[in-house]
Structure formats: structure tokens, C-alpha cells
Amino acid sequence: MSSITVNRRVLQKLIPIAIGYLALGIACGILAQQAGLTPLEALGMSVLVFAGSGQFIGIHTRAKIVKNK
């Protein structure tokens, strides 16, 4: 098998996973915006917190803390 064939097969398998991550990324971005995070804070959380549910919980917790102040 040539490397081009292998790369094409990898890309074909990657597309559904990438679509799923894109949907979760958009949802997390919308939640972060509604919680009052700046784009830089949301990006920082995405880079530093590599746990999908952890990001959602962190954003929700931060929004509650800010709301109660």
C-alpha cells in the first residue's frame, strides 16, 4: 500500500470524529460566551483542560460563582 492510500483511509476515518468534535466545540463556545468568558479565556480552557465534560462543568461553575458575587 502506498502512503497516499493509507493517508486517504486515515482521513476517511477521521472525518466523523472531527465532525463530532466540531459540534462539541461549538456548544462549548456558545456556553462560554453566555457565561461571560472572553474568547481568550475560552481558548485557554480548551488548551489546558483536555476533558470534554470538564470544560462544560468548569464553565458552568465559573458562571455560578460570578453570578453570586
C-alpha atoms as a PDB file:
ATOM      1  CA  MET A   1       0.000   0.000   0.000  1.00  0.00           C
ATOM      2  CA  SER A   2       1.306   3.423  -0.831  1.00  0.00           C
ATOM      3  CA  SER A   3       1.400   6.203   1.716  1.00  0.00           C
ATOM      4  CA  ILE A   4      -1.207   8.152  -0.277  1.00  0.00           C
ATOM      5  CA  THR A   5      -3.678   5.272   0.044  1.00  0.00           C
ATOM      6  CA  VAL A   6      -3.009   4.977   3.766  1.00  0.00           C
ATOM      7  CA  ASN A   7      -3.431   8.725   4.277  1.00  0.00           C
ATOM      8  CA  ARG A   8      -6.708   8.716   2.350  1.00  0.00           C
ATOM      9  CA  ARG A   9      -8.034   5.854   4.509  1.00  0.00           C
ATOM     10  CA  VAL A  10      -6.999   7.682   7.672  1.00  0.00           C
ATOM     11  CA  LEU A  11      -8.743  10.860   6.525  1.00  0.00           C
ATOM     12  CA  GLN A  12     -11.915   8.938   5.698  1.00  0.00           C
ATOM     13  CA  LYS A  13     -11.985   7.528   9.221  1.00  0.00           C
ATOM     14  CA  LEU A  14     -11.125  10.887  10.766  1.00  0.00           C
ATOM     15  CA  ILE A  15     -13.999  12.891   9.253  1.00  0.00           C
ATOM     16  CA  PRO A  16     -16.831  11.572  11.514  1.00  0.00           C
ATOM     17  CA  ILE A  17     -14.708  12.110  14.618  1.00  0.00           C
ATOM     18  CA  ALA A  18     -13.821  15.644  13.536  1.00  0.00           C
ATOM     19  CA  ILE A  19     -17.498  16.460  12.956  1.00  0.00           C
ATOM     20  CA  GLY A  20     -18.311  15.288  16.485  1.00  0.00           C
ATOM     21  CA  TYR A  21     -15.540  17.420  17.984  1.00  0.00           C
ATOM     22  CA  LEU A  22     -16.679  20.401  15.923  1.00  0.00           C
ATOM     23  CA  ALA A  23     -20.212  20.126  17.320  1.00  0.00           C
ATOM     24  CA  LEU A  24     -18.917  19.891  20.899  1.00  0.00           C
ATOM     25  CA  GLY A  25     -16.544  22.793  20.295  1.00  0.00           C
ATOM     26  CA  ILE A  26     -19.354  24.997  19.044  1.00  0.00           C
ATOM     27  CA  ALA A  27     -21.547  24.073  22.012  1.00  0.00           C
ATOM     28  CA  CYS A  28     -18.706  24.777  24.443  1.00  0.00           C
ATOM     29  CA  GLY A  29     -18.016  28.125  22.755  1.00  0.00           C
ATOM     30  CA  ILE A  30     -21.653  29.175  22.989  1.00  0.00           C
ATOM     31  CA  LEU A  31     -21.793  28.184  26.659  1.00  0.00           C
ATOM     32  CA  ALA A  32     -18.543  30.057  27.366  1.00  0.00           C
ATOM     33  CA  GLN A  33     -19.881  33.182  25.673  1.00  0.00           C
ATOM     34  CA  GLN A  34     -23.130  33.021  27.653  1.00  0.00           C
ATOM     35  CA  ALA A  35     -21.136  32.531  30.871  1.00  0.00           C
ATOM     36  CA  GLY A  36     -19.186  35.715  30.158  1.00  0.00           C
ATOM     37  CA  LEU A  37     -15.798  34.226  29.253  1.00  0.00           C
ATOM     38  CA  THR A  38     -13.652  36.140  26.829  1.00  0.00           C
ATOM     39  CA  PRO A  39     -12.539  34.313  23.678  1.00  0.00           C
ATOM     40  CA  LEU A  40      -9.016  34.157  25.123  1.00  0.00           C
ATOM     41  CA  GLU A  41     -10.290  32.546  28.345  1.00  0.00           C
ATOM     42  CA  ALA A  42     -12.338  30.021  26.375  1.00  0.00           C
ATOM     43  CA  LEU A  43      -9.336  29.193  24.211  1.00  0.00           C
ATOM     44  CA  GLY A  44      -7.144  28.834  27.295  1.00  0.00           C
ATOM     45  CA  MET A  45      -9.614  26.459  28.871  1.00  0.00           C
ATOM     46  CA  SER A  46      -9.757  24.392  25.693  1.00  0.00           C
ATOM     47  CA  VAL A  47      -5.971  24.143  25.606  1.00  0.00           C
ATOM     48  CA  LEU A  48      -5.415  23.470  29.311  1.00  0.00           C
ATOM     49  CA  VAL A  49      -8.437  21.332  30.201  1.00  0.00           C
ATOM     50  CA  PHE A  50      -8.338  18.295  27.959  1.00  0.00           C
ATOM     51  CA  ALA A  51     -11.543  16.701  29.224  1.00  0.00           C
ATOM     52  CA  GLY A  52     -14.742  17.440  27.343  1.00  0.00           C
ATOM     53  CA  SER A  53     -17.117  17.239  30.280  1.00  0.00           C
ATOM     54  CA  GLY A  54     -14.599  19.042  32.485  1.00  0.00           C
ATOM     55  CA  GLN A  55     -14.779  22.082  30.247  1.00  0.00           C
ATOM     56  CA  PHE A  56     -18.566  22.229  30.437  1.00  0.00           C
ATOM     57  CA  ILE A  57     -18.562  21.785  34.215  1.00  0.00           C
ATOM     58  CA  GLY A  58     -15.799  24.379  34.646  1.00  0.00           C
ATOM     59  CA  ILE A  59     -17.659  26.959  32.583  1.00  0.00           C
ATOM     60  CA  HIS A  60     -20.898  26.291  34.445  1.00  0.00           C
ATOM     61  CA  THR A  61     -19.172  26.529  37.838  1.00  0.00           C
ATOM     62  CA  ARG A  62     -17.414  29.769  36.899  1.00  0.00           C
ATOM     63  CA  ALA A  63     -20.695  31.273  35.714  1.00  0.00           C
ATOM     64  CA  LYS A  64     -22.375  30.399  39.027  1.00  0.00           C
ATOM     65  CA  ILE A  65     -19.508  31.906  41.050  1.00  0.00           C
ATOM     66  CA  VAL A  66     -19.560  35.142  39.017  1.00  0.00           C
ATOM     67  CA  LYS A  67     -23.350  35.324  39.261  1.00  0.00           C
ATOM     68  CA  ASN A  68     -23.321  35.006  43.066  1.00  0.00           C
ATOM     69  CA  LYS A  69     -20.797  37.834  43.583  1.00  0.00           C
END
